């Protein structure tokens, strides 16, 4: 079995109306036609979420990056074919993380400490 990953170009809202990234993981036999499964995934997602979404291939590393940000994403599974090729979907919330800037003399404890001082 091999897995490939897809990401929706548009954000999708979860049950709490939060903007999320839709990440799909499809596990299929090595000899499976990934293009056919990609199309089947687009159809299944349209049926599940009620809107057509453009899905683009991403790496496992990229998928992991999106999922690391949200420790408890909504998720579910769908069968794509009569051969029981399974699609696992995740709705990872889009988190805004404040970046902490560092001074040359050391690190800042908060972003306010990193702001330039007024003269």
PDB file of N, CA and C in Angstrom:
ATOM      1  N   UNK A   1       0.844  -1.187   0.000  1.00  0.00           N
ATOM      2  CA  UNK A   1       0.000   0.000   0.000  1.00  0.00           C
ATOM      3  C   UNK A   1       0.880   1.239   0.000  1.00  0.00           C
ATOM      4  N   UNK A   2       0.400   2.236  -0.707  1.00  0.00           N
ATOM      5  CA  UNK A   2       1.085   3.525  -0.745  1.00  0.00           C
ATOM      6  C   UNK A   2       0.054   4.604  -0.426  1.00  0.00           C
ATOM      7  N   UNK A   3       0.520   5.678   0.151  1.00  0.00           N
ATOM      8  CA  UNK A   3      -0.372   6.786   0.479  1.00  0.00           C
ATOM      9  C   UNK A   3       0.043   8.008  -0.318  1.00  0.00           C
ATOM     10  N   UNK A   4      -0.962   8.785  -0.720  1.00  0.00           N
ATOM     11  CA  UNK A   4      -0.674  10.092  -1.273  1.00  0.00           C
ATOM     12  C   UNK A   4      -1.620  11.094  -0.637  1.00  0.00           C
ATOM     13  N   UNK A   5      -1.259  12.360  -0.729  1.00  0.00           N
ATOM     14  CA  UNK A   5      -1.925  13.403   0.034  1.00  0.00           C
ATOM     15  C   UNK A   5      -2.401  14.513  -0.888  1.00  0.00           C
ATOM     16  N   UNK A   6      -3.560  15.090  -0.544  1.00  0.00           N
ATOM     17  CA  UNK A   6      -4.136  16.191  -1.308  1.00  0.00           C
ATOM     18  C   UNK A   6      -4.541  17.293  -0.343  1.00  0.00           C
ATOM     19  N   UNK A   7      -4.489  18.525  -0.826  1.00  0.00           N
ATOM     20  CA  UNK A   7      -4.863  19.699  -0.037  1.00  0.00           C
ATOM     21  C   UNK A   7      -5.863  20.518  -0.840  1.00  0.00           C
ATOM     22  N   UNK A   8      -6.948  20.933  -0.206  1.00  0.00           N
ATOM     23  CA  UNK A   8      -7.922  21.802  -0.874  1.00  0.00           C
ATOM     24  C   UNK A   8      -7.349  23.203  -0.997  1.00  0.00           C
ATOM     25  N   UNK A   9      -7.501  23.795  -2.187  1.00  0.00           N
ATOM     26  CA  UNK A   9      -7.012  25.159  -2.412  1.00  0.00           C
ATOM     27  C   UNK A   9      -7.769  26.182  -1.577  1.00  0.00           C
ATOM     28  N   UNK A  10      -9.041  25.924  -1.324  1.00  0.00           N
ATOM     29  CA  UNK A  10      -9.875  26.852  -0.566  1.00  0.00           C
ATOM     30  C   UNK A  10      -9.994  26.377   0.880  1.00  0.00           C
ATOM     31  N   UNK A  11     -10.260  27.321   1.773  1.00  0.00           N
ATOM     32  CA  UNK A  11     -10.505  26.924   3.161  1.00  0.00           C
ATOM     33  C   UNK A  11     -11.914  26.338   3.271  1.00  0.00           C
ATOM     34  N   UNK A  12     -12.097  25.517   4.281  1.00  0.00           N
ATOM     35  CA  UNK A  12     -13.382  24.871   4.565  1.00  0.00           C
ATOM     36  C   UNK A  12     -13.688  25.168   6.022  1.00  0.00           C
ATOM     37  N   UNK A  13     -14.949  25.422   6.335  1.00  0.00           N
ATOM     38  CA  UNK A  13     -15.305  25.685   7.725  1.00  0.00           C
ATOM     39  C   UNK A  13     -15.729  24.400   8.419  1.00  0.00           C
ATOM     40  N   UNK A  14     -15.292  24.285   9.690  1.00  0.00           N
ATOM     41  CA  UNK A  14     -15.691  23.131  10.496  1.00  0.00           C
ATOM     42  C   UNK A  14     -17.053  23.411  11.140  1.00  0.00           C
ATOM     43  N   UNK A  15     -17.503  22.539  12.028  1.00  0.00           N
ATOM     44  CA  UNK A  15     -18.815  22.704  12.669  1.00  0.00           C
ATOM     45  C   UNK A  15     -18.893  23.957  13.529  1.00  0.00           C
ATOM     46  N   UNK A  16     -17.748  24.435  13.995  1.00  0.00           N
ATOM     47  CA  UNK A  16     -17.697  25.651  14.810  1.00  0.00           C
ATOM     48  C   UNK A  16     -17.509  26.901  13.947  1.00  0.00           C
ATOM     49  N   UNK A  17     -17.632  26.751  12.629  1.00  0.00           N
ATOM     50  CA  UNK A  17     -17.497  27.842  11.667  1.00  0.00           C
ATOM     51  C   UNK A  17     -16.100  28.460  11.661  1.00  0.00           C
ATOM     52  N   UNK A  18     -15.081  27.663  11.998  1.00  0.00           N
ATOM     53  CA  UNK A  18     -13.689  28.116  11.955  1.00  0.00           C
ATOM     54  C   UNK A  18     -13.094  27.738  10.606  1.00  0.00           C
ATOM     55  N   UNK A  19     -12.269  28.633  10.049  1.00  0.00           N
ATOM     56  CA  UNK A  19     -11.597  28.335   8.790  1.00  0.00           C
ATOM     57  C   UNK A  19     -10.575  27.228   9.006  1.00  0.00           C
ATOM     58  N   UNK A  20     -10.594  26.256   8.102  1.00  0.00           N
ATOM     59  CA  UNK A  20      -9.720  25.091   8.218  1.00  0.00           C
ATOM     60  C   UNK A  20      -9.100  24.752   6.868  1.00  0.00           C
ATOM     61  N   UNK A  21      -7.990  24.038   6.940  1.00  0.00           N
ATOM     62  CA  UNK A  21      -7.375  23.438   5.766  1.00  0.00           C
ATOM     63  C   UNK A  21      -7.876  22.004   5.680  1.00  0.00           C
ATOM     64  N   UNK A  22      -8.317  21.595   4.495  1.00  0.00           N
ATOM     65  CA  UNK A  22      -8.765  20.230   4.280  1.00  0.00           C
ATOM     66  C   UNK A  22      -7.605  19.437   3.690  1.00  0.00           C
ATOM     67  N   UNK A  23      -7.149  18.444   4.442  1.00  0.00           N
ATOM     68  CA  UNK A  23      -6.049  17.581   4.012  1.00  0.00           C
ATOM     69  C   UNK A  23      -6.611  16.173   3.848  1.00  0.00           C
ATOM     70  N   UNK A  24      -6.290  15.537   2.719  1.00  0.00           N
ATOM     71  CA  UNK A  24      -6.757  14.185   2.454  1.00  0.00           C
ATOM     72  C   UNK A  24      -5.584  13.235   2.373  1.00  0.00           C
ATOM     73  N   UNK A  25      -5.770  12.062   2.927  1.00  0.00           N
ATOM     74  CA  UNK A  25      -4.789  10.975   2.803  1.00  0.00           C
ATOM     75  C   UNK A  25      -5.500   9.806   2.145  1.00  0.00           C
ATOM     76  N   UNK A  26      -4.946   9.362   1.031  1.00  0.00           N
ATOM     77  CA  UNK A  26      -5.541   8.240   0.301  1.00  0.00           C
ATOM     78  C   UNK A  26      -4.542   7.093   0.304  1.00  0.00           C
ATOM     79  N   UNK A  27      -4.966   5.962   0.840  1.00  0.00           N
ATOM     80  CA  UNK A  27      -4.129   4.755   0.858  1.00  0.00           C
ATOM     81  C   UNK A  27      -4.649   3.811  -0.206  1.00  0.00           C
ATOM     82  N   UNK A  28      -3.747   3.443  -1.123  1.00  0.00           N
ATOM     83  CA  UNK A  28      -4.154   2.594  -2.241  1.00  0.00           C
ATOM     84  C   UNK A  28      -3.015   1.643  -2.584  1.00  0.00           C
ATOM     85  N   UNK A  29      -3.343   0.562  -3.274  1.00  0.00           N
ATOM     86  CA  UNK A  29      -2.279  -0.344  -3.730  1.00  0.00           C
ATOM     87  C   UNK A  29      -1.300   0.396  -4.643  1.00  0.00           C
ATOM     88  N   UNK A  30      -0.064  -0.059  -4.662  1.00  0.00           N
ATOM     89  CA  UNK A  30       0.991   0.563  -5.474  1.00  0.00           C
ATOM     90  C   UNK A  30       0.574   0.744  -6.929  1.00  0.00           C
ATOM     91  N   UNK A  31      -0.140  -0.223  -7.479  1.00  0.00           N
ATOM     92  CA  UNK A  31      -0.497  -0.182  -8.900  1.00  0.00           C
ATOM     93  C   UNK A  31      -1.751   0.639  -9.192  1.00  0.00           C
ATOM     94  N   UNK A  32      -2.337   1.276  -8.186  1.00  0.00           N
ATOM     95  CA  UNK A  32      -3.574   2.045  -8.371  1.00  0.00           C
ATOM     96  C   UNK A  32      -3.338   3.264  -9.263  1.00  0.00           C
ATOM     97  N   UNK A  33      -4.387   3.667  -9.954  1.00  0.00           N
ATOM     98  CA  UNK A  33      -4.355   4.846 -10.813  1.00  0.00           C
ATOM     99  C   UNK A  33      -4.633   6.077  -9.945  1.00  0.00           C
ATOM    100  N   UNK A  34      -3.574   6.788  -9.566  1.00  0.00           N
ATOM    101  CA  UNK A  34      -3.719   7.935  -8.663  1.00  0.00           C
ATOM    102  C   UNK A  34      -4.561   9.054  -9.268  1.00  0.00           C
ATOM    103  N   UNK A  35      -4.509   9.244 -10.569  1.00  0.00           N
ATOM    104  CA  UNK A  35      -5.328  10.282 -11.202  1.00  0.00           C
ATOM    105  C   UNK A  35      -6.811   9.950 -11.073  1.00  0.00           C
ATOM    106  N   UNK A  36      -7.142   8.703 -11.250  1.00  0.00           N
ATOM    107  CA  UNK A  36      -8.545   8.278 -11.091  1.00  0.00           C
ATOM    108  C   UNK A  36      -8.991   8.450  -9.643  1.00  0.00           C
ATOM    109  N   UNK A  37      -8.117   8.101  -8.713  1.00  0.00           N
ATOM    110  CA  UNK A  37      -8.447   8.267  -7.293  1.00  0.00           C
ATOM    111  C   UNK A  37      -8.551   9.744  -6.912  1.00  0.00           C
ATOM    112  N   UNK A  38      -7.715  10.579  -7.520  1.00  0.00           N
ATOM    113  CA  UNK A  38      -7.773  12.028  -7.287  1.00  0.00           C
ATOM    114  C   UNK A  38      -9.158  12.552  -7.690  1.00  0.00           C
ATOM    115  N   UNK A  39      -9.625  12.171  -8.868  1.00  0.00           N
ATOM    116  CA  UNK A  39     -10.958  12.579  -9.343  1.00  0.00           C
ATOM    117  C   UNK A  39     -12.053  12.034  -8.425  1.00  0.00           C
ATOM    118  N   UNK A  40     -11.915  10.769  -8.026  1.00  0.00           N
ATOM    119  CA  UNK A  40     -12.902  10.167  -7.118  1.00  0.00           C
ATOM    120  C   UNK A  40     -12.928  10.924  -5.790  1.00  0.00           C
ATOM    121  N   UNK A  41     -11.767  11.379  -5.321  1.00  0.00           N
ATOM    122  CA  UNK A  41     -11.693  12.151  -4.076  1.00  0.00           C
ATOM    123  C   UNK A  41     -12.426  13.476  -4.227  1.00  0.00           C
ATOM    124  N   UNK A  42     -12.250  14.155  -5.366  1.00  0.00           N
ATOM    125  CA  UNK A  42     -12.949  15.425  -5.589  1.00  0.00           C
ATOM    126  C   UNK A  42     -14.462  15.231  -5.557  1.00  0.00           C
ATOM    127  N   UNK A  43     -14.942  14.147  -6.142  1.00  0.00           N
ATOM    128  CA  UNK A  43     -16.382  13.857  -6.148  1.00  0.00           C
ATOM    129  C   UNK A  43     -16.871  13.550  -4.735  1.00  0.00           C
ATOM    130  N   UNK A  44     -16.118  12.706  -4.008  1.00  0.00           N
ATOM    131  CA  UNK A  44     -16.512  12.330  -2.638  1.00  0.00           C
ATOM    132  C   UNK A  44     -16.524  13.544  -1.705  1.00  0.00           C
ATOM    133  N   UNK A  45     -15.545  14.426  -1.868  1.00  0.00           N
ATOM    134  CA  UNK A  45     -15.473  15.621  -1.012  1.00  0.00           C
ATOM    135  C   UNK A  45     -16.620  16.575  -1.342  1.00  0.00           C
ATOM    136  N   UNK A  46     -16.970  16.683  -2.617  1.00  0.00           N
ATOM    137  CA  UNK A  46     -18.113  17.531  -2.995  1.00  0.00           C
ATOM    138  C   UNK A  46     -19.386  17.010  -2.336  1.00  0.00           C
ATOM    139  N   UNK A  47     -19.567  15.679  -2.340  1.00  0.00           N
ATOM    140  CA  UNK A  47     -20.739  15.085  -1.698  1.00  0.00           C
ATOM    141  C   UNK A  47     -20.710  15.292  -0.185  1.00  0.00           C
ATOM    142  N   UNK A  48     -19.533  15.172   0.424  1.00  0.00           N
ATOM    143  CA  UNK A  48     -19.403  15.292   1.884  1.00  0.00           C
ATOM    144  C   UNK A  48     -19.583  16.727   2.364  1.00  0.00           C
ATOM    145  N   UNK A  49     -18.924  17.693   1.686  1.00  0.00           N
ATOM    146  CA  UNK A  49     -18.919  19.071   2.164  1.00  0.00           C
ATOM    147  C   UNK A  49     -19.851  20.000   1.383  1.00  0.00           C
ATOM    148  N   UNK A  50     -20.496  19.492   0.333  1.00  0.00           N
ATOM    149  CA  UNK A  50     -21.494  20.262  -0.375  1.00  0.00           C
ATOM    150  C   UNK A  50     -20.967  21.307  -1.340  1.00  0.00           C
ATOM    151  N   UNK A  51     -19.693  21.298  -1.613  1.00  0.00           N
ATOM    152  CA  UNK A  51     -19.120  22.251  -2.555  1.00  0.00           C
ATOM    153  C   UNK A  51     -17.947  21.613  -3.283  1.00  0.00           C
ATOM    154  N   UNK A  52     -17.782  22.014  -4.535  1.00  0.00           N
ATOM    155  CA  UNK A  52     -16.657  21.488  -5.311  1.00  0.00           C
ATOM    156  C   UNK A  52     -15.379  22.193  -4.858  1.00  0.00           C
ATOM    157  N   UNK A  53     -14.356  21.419  -4.573  1.00  0.00           N
ATOM    158  CA  UNK A  53     -13.076  21.969  -4.137  1.00  0.00           C
ATOM    159  C   UNK A  53     -11.975  21.478  -5.064  1.00  0.00           C
ATOM    160  N   UNK A  54     -11.044  22.357  -5.353  1.00  0.00           N
ATOM    161  CA  UNK A  54      -9.874  21.968  -6.124  1.00  0.00           C
ATOM    162  C   UNK A  54      -8.867  21.360  -5.162  1.00  0.00           C
ATOM    163  N   UNK A  55      -8.422  20.152  -5.473  1.00  0.00           N
ATOM    164  CA  UNK A  55      -7.469  19.451  -4.619  1.00  0.00           C
ATOM    165  C   UNK A  55      -6.135  19.362  -5.339  1.00  0.00           C
ATOM    166  N   UNK A  56      -5.074  19.741  -4.634  1.00  0.00           N
ATOM    167  CA  UNK A  56      -3.749  19.646  -5.250  1.00  0.00           C
ATOM    168  C   UNK A  56      -2.889  18.675  -4.452  1.00  0.00           C
ATOM    169  N   UNK A  57      -2.023  17.947  -5.139  1.00  0.00           N
ATOM    170  CA  UNK A  57      -1.143  16.998  -4.450  1.00  0.00           C
ATOM    171  C   UNK A  57      -0.137  17.730  -3.558  1.00  0.00           C
ATOM    172  N   UNK A  58       0.119  17.162  -2.401  1.00  0.00           N
ATOM    173  CA  UNK A  58       1.151  17.664  -1.501  1.00  0.00           C
ATOM    174  C   UNK A  58       1.944  16.476  -0.969  1.00  0.00           C
ATOM    175  N   UNK A  59       3.084  16.761  -0.379  1.00  0.00           N
ATOM    176  CA  UNK A  59       3.917  15.699   0.184  1.00  0.00           C
ATOM    177  C   UNK A  59       3.401  15.283   1.559  1.00  0.00           C
ATOM    178  N   UNK A  60       3.855  14.144   2.013  1.00  0.00           N
ATOM    179  CA  UNK A  60       3.514  13.681   3.361  1.00  0.00           C
ATOM    180  C   UNK A  60       4.032  14.682   4.392  1.00  0.00           C
ATOM    181  N   UNK A  61       5.216  15.232   4.140  1.00  0.00           N
ATOM    182  CA  UNK A  61       5.800  16.221   5.051  1.00  0.00           C
ATOM    183  C   UNK A  61       4.927  17.470   5.137  1.00  0.00           C
ATOM    184  N   UNK A  62       4.432  17.948   4.003  1.00  0.00           N
ATOM    185  CA  UNK A  62       3.561  19.123   4.007  1.00  0.00           C
ATOM    186  C   UNK A  62       2.260  18.823   4.750  1.00  0.00           C
ATOM    187  N   UNK A  63       1.684  17.653   4.515  1.00  0.00           N
ATOM    188  CA  UNK A  63       0.456  17.262   5.213  1.00  0.00           C
ATOM    189  C   UNK A  63       0.697  17.228   6.723  1.00  0.00           C
ATOM    190  N   UNK A  64       1.828  16.663   7.123  1.00  0.00           N
ATOM    191  CA  UNK A  64       2.169  16.596   8.550  1.00  0.00           C
ATOM    192  C   UNK A  64       2.303  17.986   9.149  1.00  0.00           C
ATOM    193  N   UNK A  65       2.871  18.909   8.384  1.00  0.00           N
ATOM    194  CA  UNK A  65       3.046  20.282   8.863  1.00  0.00           C
ATOM    195  C   UNK A  65       1.691  20.915   9.172  1.00  0.00           C
ATOM    196  N   UNK A  66       0.720  20.778   8.267  1.00  0.00           N
ATOM    197  CA  UNK A  66      -0.609  21.338   8.507  1.00  0.00           C
ATOM    198  C   UNK A  66      -1.258  20.700   9.732  1.00  0.00           C
ATOM    199  N   UNK A  67      -1.062  19.395   9.898  1.00  0.00           N
ATOM    200  CA  UNK A  67      -1.713  18.688  10.998  1.00  0.00           C
ATOM    201  C   UNK A  67      -1.040  18.935  12.345  1.00  0.00           C
ATOM    202  N   UNK A  68       0.249  19.273  12.351  1.00  0.00           N
ATOM    203  CA  UNK A  68       0.950  19.575  13.606  1.00  0.00           C
ATOM    204  C   UNK A  68       0.400  20.820  14.280  1.00  0.00           C
ATOM    205  N   UNK A  69      -0.069  21.767  13.482  1.00  0.00           N
ATOM    206  CA  UNK A  69      -0.534  23.045  14.008  1.00  0.00           C
ATOM    207  C   UNK A  69      -1.809  22.870  14.834  1.00  0.00           C
ATOM    208  N   UNK A  70      -2.683  21.976  14.423  1.00  0.00           N
ATOM    209  CA  UNK A  70      -3.945  21.741  15.130  1.00  0.00           C
ATOM    210  C   UNK A  70      -3.869  20.375  15.805  1.00  0.00           C
ATOM    211  N   UNK A  71      -3.746  20.339  17.132  1.00  0.00           N
ATOM    212  CA  UNK A  71      -3.588  19.058  17.821  1.00  0.00           C
ATOM    213  C   UNK A  71      -4.824  18.151  17.748  1.00  0.00           C
ATOM    214  N   UNK A  72      -5.997  18.714  17.487  1.00  0.00           N
ATOM    215  CA  UNK A  72      -7.220  17.902  17.434  1.00  0.00           C
ATOM    216  C   UNK A  72      -8.081  18.292  16.221  1.00  0.00           C
ATOM    217  N   UNK A  73      -7.620  17.988  15.011  1.00  0.00           N
ATOM    218  CA  UNK A  73      -8.422  18.338  13.836  1.00  0.00           C
ATOM    219  C   UNK A  73      -9.665  17.446  13.731  1.00  0.00           C
ATOM    220  N   UNK A  74     -10.729  17.997  13.141  1.00  0.00           N
ATOM    221  CA  UNK A  74     -11.873  17.150  12.796  1.00  0.00           C
ATOM    222  C   UNK A  74     -11.381  16.171  11.741  1.00  0.00           C
ATOM    223  N   UNK A  75     -11.938  14.979  11.722  1.00  0.00           N
ATOM    224  CA  UNK A  75     -11.500  14.002  10.733  1.00  0.00           C
ATOM    225  C   UNK A  75     -12.595  12.966  10.493  1.00  0.00           C
ATOM    226  N   UNK A  76     -12.413  12.245   9.412  1.00  0.00           N
ATOM    227  CA  UNK A  76     -13.356  11.196   9.067  1.00  0.00           C
ATOM    228  C   UNK A  76     -12.791  10.362   7.938  1.00  0.00           C
ATOM    229  N   UNK A  77     -13.554   9.382   7.492  1.00  0.00           N
ATOM    230  CA  UNK A  77     -13.094   8.490   6.433  1.00  0.00           C
ATOM    231  C   UNK A  77     -14.230   8.235   5.453  1.00  0.00           C
ATOM    232  N   UNK A  78     -13.838   8.042   4.206  1.00  0.00           N
ATOM    233  CA  UNK A  78     -14.775   7.709   3.136  1.00  0.00           C
ATOM    234  C   UNK A  78     -14.158   6.610   2.274  1.00  0.00           C
ATOM    235  N   UNK A  79     -14.996   5.742   1.708  1.00  0.00           N
ATOM    236  CA  UNK A  79     -14.508   4.758   0.741  1.00  0.00           C
ATOM    237  C   UNK A  79     -14.623   5.378  -0.643  1.00  0.00           C
ATOM    238  N   UNK A  80     -13.532   5.309  -1.418  1.00  0.00           N
ATOM    239  CA  UNK A  80     -13.519   5.899  -2.753  1.00  0.00           C
ATOM    240  C   UNK A  80     -13.954   4.941  -3.841  1.00  0.00           C
ATOM    241  N   UNK A  81     -13.734   3.676  -3.649  1.00  0.00           N
ATOM    242  CA  UNK A  81     -14.025   2.700  -4.699  1.00  0.00           C
ATOM    243  C   UNK A  81     -14.667   1.468  -4.098  1.00  0.00           C
ATOM    244  N   UNK A  82     -15.120   0.601  -4.969  1.00  0.00           N
ATOM    245  CA  UNK A  82     -15.677  -0.673  -4.502  1.00  0.00           C
ATOM    246  C   UNK A  82     -14.572  -1.583  -3.977  1.00  0.00           C
ATOM    247  N   UNK A  83     -13.304  -1.222  -4.271  1.00  0.00           N
ATOM    248  CA  UNK A  83     -12.168  -1.992  -3.758  1.00  0.00           C
ATOM    249  C   UNK A  83     -11.766  -1.546  -2.359  1.00  0.00           C
ATOM    250  N   UNK A  84     -12.601  -0.711  -1.733  1.00  0.00           N
ATOM    251  CA  UNK A  84     -12.362  -0.190  -0.388  1.00  0.00           C
ATOM    252  C   UNK A  84     -11.079   0.627  -0.261  1.00  0.00           C
ATOM    253  N   UNK A  85     -10.751   1.412  -1.289  1.00  0.00           N
ATOM    254  CA  UNK A  85      -9.665   2.382  -1.156  1.00  0.00           C
ATOM    255  C   UNK A  85     -10.201   3.476  -0.249  1.00  0.00           C
ATOM    256  N   UNK A  86      -9.511   3.708   0.842  1.00  0.00           N
ATOM    257  CA  UNK A  86     -10.018   4.631   1.851  1.00  0.00           C
ATOM    258  C   UNK A  86      -9.383   6.006   1.749  1.00  0.00           C
ATOM    259  N   UNK A  87     -10.225   7.004   1.906  1.00  0.00           N
ATOM    260  CA  UNK A  87      -9.800   8.387   1.975  1.00  0.00           C
ATOM    261  C   UNK A  87     -10.006   8.838   3.412  1.00  0.00           C
ATOM    262  N   UNK A  88      -8.970   9.342   4.038  1.00  0.00           N
ATOM    263  CA  UNK A  88      -9.091   9.917   5.382  1.00  0.00           C
ATOM    264  C   UNK A  88      -8.969  11.425   5.230  1.00  0.00           C
ATOM    265  N   UNK A  89      -9.971  12.153   5.726  1.00  0.00           N
ATOM    266  CA  UNK A  89      -9.933  13.604   5.629  1.00  0.00           C
ATOM    267  C   UNK A  89      -9.708  14.224   7.006  1.00  0.00           C
ATOM    268  N   UNK A  90      -9.010  15.348   6.997  1.00  0.00           N
ATOM    269  CA  UNK A  90      -8.734  16.106   8.221  1.00  0.00           C
ATOM    270  C   UNK A  90      -9.073  17.568   7.965  1.00  0.00           C
ATOM    271  N   UNK A  91      -9.751  18.203   8.897  1.00  0.00           N
ATOM    272  CA  UNK A  91      -9.976  19.645   8.854  1.00  0.00           C
ATOM    273  C   UNK A  91      -9.108  20.258   9.950  1.00  0.00           C
ATOM    274  N   UNK A  92      -7.959  20.780   9.552  1.00  0.00           N
ATOM    275  CA  UNK A  92      -7.022  21.381  10.507  1.00  0.00           C
ATOM    276  C   UNK A  92      -7.296  22.881  10.580  1.00  0.00           C
ATOM    277  N   UNK A  93      -7.596  23.351  11.782  1.00  0.00           N
ATOM    278  CA  UNK A  93      -7.874  24.778  11.949  1.00  0.00           C
ATOM    279  C   UNK A  93      -6.656  25.607  11.552  1.00  0.00           C
ATOM    280  N   UNK A  94      -6.932  26.754  10.969  1.00  0.00           N
ATOM    281  CA  UNK A  94      -5.856  27.674  10.607  1.00  0.00           C
ATOM    282  C   UNK A  94      -5.540  28.484  11.861  1.00  0.00           C
ATOM    283  N   UNK A  95      -4.341  28.302  12.368  1.00  0.00           N
ATOM    284  CA  UNK A  95      -3.918  28.970  13.596  1.00  0.00           C
ATOM    285  C   UNK A  95      -3.008  30.135  13.242  1.00  0.00           C
ATOM    286  N   UNK A  96      -3.228  31.244  13.903  1.00  0.00           N
ATOM    287  CA  UNK A  96      -2.334  32.389  13.733  1.00  0.00           C
ATOM    288  C   UNK A  96      -1.391  32.382  14.920  1.00  0.00           C
ATOM    289  N   UNK A  97      -0.133  32.212  14.613  1.00  0.00           N
ATOM    290  CA  UNK A  97       0.881  32.115  15.660  1.00  0.00           C
ATOM    291  C   UNK A  97       1.737  33.369  15.608  1.00  0.00           C
ATOM    292  N   UNK A  98       1.853  34.036  16.755  1.00  0.00           N
ATOM    293  CA  UNK A  98       2.701  35.223  16.807  1.00  0.00           C
ATOM    294  C   UNK A  98       4.158  34.806  16.722  1.00  0.00           C
ATOM    295  N   UNK A  99       4.842  35.432  15.826  1.00  0.00           N
ATOM    296  CA  UNK A  99       6.273  35.168  15.712  1.00  0.00           C
ATOM    297  C   UNK A  99       7.000  36.012  16.745  1.00  0.00           C
ATOM    298  N   UNK A 100       7.960  35.432  17.379  1.00  0.00           N
ATOM    299  CA  UNK A 100       8.778  36.154  18.352  1.00  0.00           C
ATOM    300  C   UNK A 100      10.092  36.500  17.675  1.00  0.00           C
ATOM    301  N   UNK A 101      10.405  37.789  17.676  1.00  0.00           N
ATOM    302  CA  UNK A 101      11.659  38.221  17.082  1.00  0.00           C
ATOM    303  C   UNK A 101      12.724  38.207  18.169  1.00  0.00           C
ATOM    304  N   UNK A 102      13.949  38.021  17.765  1.00  0.00           N
ATOM    305  CA  UNK A 102      15.059  37.943  18.698  1.00  0.00           C
ATOM    306  C   UNK A 102      15.973  39.144  18.551  1.00  0.00           C
ATOM    307  N   UNK A 103      16.424  39.686  19.679  1.00  0.00           N
ATOM    308  CA  UNK A 103      17.439  40.725  19.675  1.00  0.00           C
ATOM    309  C   UNK A 103      18.799  40.051  19.592  1.00  0.00           C
ATOM    310  N   UNK A 104      19.773  40.792  19.163  1.00  0.00           N
ATOM    311  CA  UNK A 104      21.109  40.204  19.039  1.00  0.00           C
ATOM    312  C   UNK A 104      21.689  39.831  20.396  1.00  0.00           C
ATOM    313  N   UNK A 105      21.260  40.512  21.460  1.00  0.00           N
ATOM    314  CA  UNK A 105      21.802  40.245  22.792  1.00  0.00           C
ATOM    315  C   UNK A 105      21.112  39.066  23.477  1.00  0.00           C
ATOM    316  N   UNK A 106      20.018  38.609  22.961  1.00  0.00           N
ATOM    317  CA  UNK A 106      19.306  37.501  23.603  1.00  0.00           C
ATOM    318  C   UNK A 106      17.904  37.395  23.063  1.00  0.00           C
ATOM    319  N   UNK A 107      17.113  36.553  23.669  1.00  0.00           N
ATOM    320  CA  UNK A 107      15.759  36.362  23.155  1.00  0.00           C
ATOM    321  C   UNK A 107      14.776  37.240  23.913  1.00  0.00           C
ATOM    322  N   UNK A 108      13.663  37.511  23.288  1.00  0.00           N
ATOM    323  CA  UNK A 108      12.592  38.294  23.894  1.00  0.00           C
ATOM    324  C   UNK A 108      11.605  37.326  24.539  1.00  0.00           C
ATOM    325  N   UNK A 109      11.028  37.735  25.638  1.00  0.00           N
ATOM    326  CA  UNK A 109      10.028  36.896  26.286  1.00  0.00           C
ATOM    327  C   UNK A 109       8.655  37.104  25.685  1.00  0.00           C
ATOM    328  N   UNK A 110       8.412  38.262  25.111  1.00  0.00           N
ATOM    329  CA  UNK A 110       7.139  38.518  24.440  1.00  0.00           C
ATOM    330  C   UNK A 110       7.403  39.374  23.220  1.00  0.00           C
ATOM    331  N   UNK A 111       6.434  39.401  22.317  1.00  0.00           N
ATOM    332  CA  UNK A 111       6.635  40.179  21.104  1.00  0.00           C
ATOM    333  C   UNK A 111       6.735  41.670  21.415  1.00  0.00           C
ATOM    334  N   UNK A 112       6.099  42.145  22.509  1.00  0.00           N
ATOM    335  CA  UNK A 112       6.166  43.559  22.873  1.00  0.00           C
ATOM    336  C   UNK A 112       7.587  43.951  23.263  1.00  0.00           C
ATOM    337  N   UNK A 113       8.339  43.049  23.869  1.00  0.00           N
ATOM    338  CA  UNK A 113       9.726  43.341  24.246  1.00  0.00           C
ATOM    339  C   UNK A 113      10.633  43.466  23.038  1.00  0.00           C
ATOM    340  N   UNK A 114      10.226  42.938  21.935  1.00  0.00           N
ATOM    341  CA  UNK A 114      11.060  42.943  20.737  1.00  0.00           C
ATOM    342  C   UNK A 114      10.856  44.202  19.881  1.00  0.00           C
ATOM    343  N   UNK A 115       9.822  44.964  20.207  1.00  0.00           N
ATOM    344  CA  UNK A 115       9.579  46.154  19.419  1.00  0.00           C
ATOM    345  C   UNK A 115      10.677  47.180  19.659  1.00  0.00           C
ATOM    346  N   UNK A 116      11.016  47.968  18.631  1.00  0.00           N
ATOM    347  CA  UNK A 116      12.048  48.976  18.815  1.00  0.00           C
ATOM    348  C   UNK A 116      11.608  49.999  19.857  1.00  0.00           C
ATOM    349  N   UNK A 117      12.526  50.445  20.647  1.00  0.00           N
ATOM    350  CA  UNK A 117      12.224  51.438  21.683  1.00  0.00           C
ATOM    351  C   UNK A 117      12.131  52.822  21.035  1.00  0.00           C
ATOM    352  N   UNK A 118      11.152  53.624  21.513  1.00  0.00           N
ATOM    353  CA  UNK A 118      11.006  54.995  21.010  1.00  0.00           C
ATOM    354  C   UNK A 118      12.100  55.860  21.600  1.00  0.00           C
ATOM    355  N   UNK A 119      12.581  56.772  20.813  1.00  0.00           N
ATOM    356  CA  UNK A 119      13.629  57.681  21.281  1.00  0.00           C
ATOM    357  C   UNK A 119      13.048  58.978  21.729  1.00  0.00           C
TER     358      UNK A 119
END
